[in-house]
Amino acid sequence: MEKEICTISIATASLGDMYTFYSDGTIKRVYDNNSLSTDVTEWLDATEISKQNKDKLIKNCPEEFKESVMQILDYP
């Protein structure tokens, strides 16, 4: 496993949604489908993340990791 860069939450009030970014460009998402289906894990490519979620991720990203995360997301 590559080095973890950071984990960013874009959770709503009731459902979790965490993205973990790794130095090799991989992205792990752990989220809740609903109150009965929690901590679902999936591995994503940047192209599978919506523009809206990319905006939220960059907004919530700690400043010191922003440049690395923007590169992984191919964010403008």
C-alpha atoms as a PDB file:
ATOM      1  CA  MET A   1       0.000   0.000   0.000  1.00  0.00           C
ATOM      2  CA  GLU A   2       1.248   3.429  -0.874  1.00  0.00           C
ATOM      3  CA  LYS A   3       1.669   6.257   1.602  1.00  0.00           C
ATOM      4  CA  GLU A   4      -1.573   7.856   2.761  1.00  0.00           C
ATOM      5  CA  ILE A   5      -1.787  11.585   1.979  1.00  0.00           C
ATOM      6  CA  CYS A   6      -4.967  12.477   3.858  1.00  0.00           C
ATOM      7  CA  THR A   7      -8.594  11.591   4.518  1.00  0.00           C
ATOM      8  CA  ILE A   8     -11.351  14.091   3.729  1.00  0.00           C
ATOM      9  CA  SER A   9     -14.962  13.893   4.864  1.00  0.00           C
ATOM     10  CA  ILE A  10     -17.839  15.223   2.793  1.00  0.00           C
ATOM     11  CA  ALA A  11     -20.433  13.587   5.018  1.00  0.00           C
ATOM     12  CA  THR A  12     -23.984  14.812   5.304  1.00  0.00           C
ATOM     13  CA  ALA A  13     -25.748  15.183   8.646  1.00  0.00           C
ATOM     14  CA  SER A  14     -26.788  11.535   8.774  1.00  0.00           C
ATOM     15  CA  LEU A  15     -24.560   9.625   6.323  1.00  0.00           C
ATOM     16  CA  GLY A  16     -20.772   9.287   6.379  1.00  0.00           C
ATOM     17  CA  ASP A  17     -18.673   9.823   3.253  1.00  0.00           C
ATOM     18  CA  MET A  18     -14.873   9.715   3.641  1.00  0.00           C
ATOM     19  CA  TYR A  19     -12.255   9.760   0.893  1.00  0.00           C
ATOM     20  CA  THR A  20      -8.656   8.695   1.560  1.00  0.00           C
ATOM     21  CA  PHE A  21      -5.995   9.735  -0.948  1.00  0.00           C
ATOM     22  CA  TYR A  22      -2.738   7.801  -1.470  1.00  0.00           C
ATOM     23  CA  SER A  23       0.584   8.850  -2.994  1.00  0.00           C
ATOM     24  CA  ASP A  24       0.172   6.437  -5.928  1.00  0.00           C
ATOM     25  CA  GLY A  25      -3.038   8.238  -6.984  1.00  0.00           C
ATOM     26  CA  THR A  26      -5.485   5.688  -5.616  1.00  0.00           C
ATOM     27  CA  ILE A  27      -8.584   6.830  -3.765  1.00  0.00           C
ATOM     28  CA  LYS A  28     -10.492   4.831  -1.152  1.00  0.00           C
ATOM     29  CA  ARG A  29     -14.050   5.835  -0.347  1.00  0.00           C
ATOM     30  CA  VAL A  30     -15.834   4.649   2.788  1.00  0.00           C
ATOM     31  CA  TYR A  31     -19.474   5.696   2.925  1.00  0.00           C
ATOM     32  CA  ASP A  32     -22.897   4.909   4.321  1.00  0.00           C
ATOM     33  CA  ASN A  33     -25.617   3.942   1.831  1.00  0.00           C
ATOM     34  CA  ASN A  34     -28.238   4.335   4.551  1.00  0.00           C
ATOM     35  CA  SER A  35     -28.565   3.735   8.288  1.00  0.00           C
ATOM     36  CA  LEU A  36     -28.578  -0.028   7.736  1.00  0.00           C
ATOM     37  CA  SER A  37     -25.727  -0.171   5.221  1.00  0.00           C
ATOM     38  CA  THR A  38     -22.740   1.593   6.731  1.00  0.00           C
ATOM     39  CA  ASP A  39     -18.996   1.640   6.069  1.00  0.00           C
ATOM     40  CA  VAL A  40     -19.225   0.495   2.442  1.00  0.00           C
ATOM     41  CA  THR A  41     -15.713   0.585   0.919  1.00  0.00           C
ATOM     42  CA  GLU A  42     -14.838   1.133  -2.721  1.00  0.00           C
ATOM     43  CA  TRP A  43     -11.673   2.031  -4.613  1.00  0.00           C
ATOM     44  CA  LEU A  44     -12.111   4.825  -7.138  1.00  0.00           C
ATOM     45  CA  ASP A  45     -10.398   6.503 -10.012  1.00  0.00           C
ATOM     46  CA  ALA A  46     -10.651  10.303 -10.169  1.00  0.00           C
ATOM     47  CA  THR A  47     -12.889  10.025 -13.255  1.00  0.00           C
ATOM     48  CA  GLU A  48     -15.518   8.230 -11.139  1.00  0.00           C
ATOM     49  CA  ILE A  49     -15.971  11.197  -8.784  1.00  0.00           C
ATOM     50  CA  SER A  50     -18.537  13.829  -9.743  1.00  0.00           C
ATOM     51  CA  LYS A  51     -17.556  17.467 -10.238  1.00  0.00           C
ATOM     52  CA  GLN A  52     -19.803  18.358  -7.289  1.00  0.00           C
ATOM     53  CA  ASN A  53     -17.991  15.924  -4.973  1.00  0.00           C
ATOM     54  CA  LYS A  54     -14.587  17.084  -6.245  1.00  0.00           C
ATOM     55  CA  ASP A  55     -15.583  20.645  -5.335  1.00  0.00           C
ATOM     56  CA  LYS A  56     -16.565  19.501  -1.824  1.00  0.00           C
ATOM     57  CA  LEU A  57     -13.351  17.514  -1.405  1.00  0.00           C
ATOM     58  CA  ILE A  58     -11.141  20.458  -2.373  1.00  0.00           C
ATOM     59  CA  LYS A  59     -13.147  22.799  -0.142  1.00  0.00           C
ATOM     60  CA  ASN A  60     -12.720  20.464   2.867  1.00  0.00           C
ATOM     61  CA  CYS A  61      -9.110  19.528   2.130  1.00  0.00           C
ATOM     62  CA  PRO A  62      -6.459  20.716   4.612  1.00  0.00           C
ATOM     63  CA  GLU A  63      -4.334  23.401   2.956  1.00  0.00           C
ATOM     64  CA  GLU A  64      -1.066  21.433   3.232  1.00  0.00           C
ATOM     65  CA  PHE A  65      -2.515  18.551   1.150  1.00  0.00           C
ATOM     66  CA  LYS A  66      -4.560  20.565  -1.316  1.00  0.00           C
ATOM     67  CA  GLU A  67      -2.000  20.559  -4.145  1.00  0.00           C
ATOM     68  CA  SER A  68      -1.484  16.778  -3.988  1.00  0.00           C
ATOM     69  CA  VAL A  69      -5.211  16.057  -3.836  1.00  0.00           C
ATOM     70  CA  MET A  70      -5.920  18.436  -6.732  1.00  0.00           C
ATOM     71  CA  GLN A  71      -3.361  16.560  -8.863  1.00  0.00           C
ATOM     72  CA  ILE A  72      -4.901  13.183  -8.033  1.00  0.00           C
ATOM     73  CA  LEU A  73      -8.395  14.495  -8.833  1.00  0.00           C
ATOM     74  CA  ASP A  74      -7.175  16.233 -12.001  1.00  0.00           C
ATOM     75  CA  TYR A  75      -8.922  19.274 -10.601  1.00  0.00           C
ATOM     76  CA  PRO A  76      -8.540  22.535 -12.545  1.00  0.00           C
END
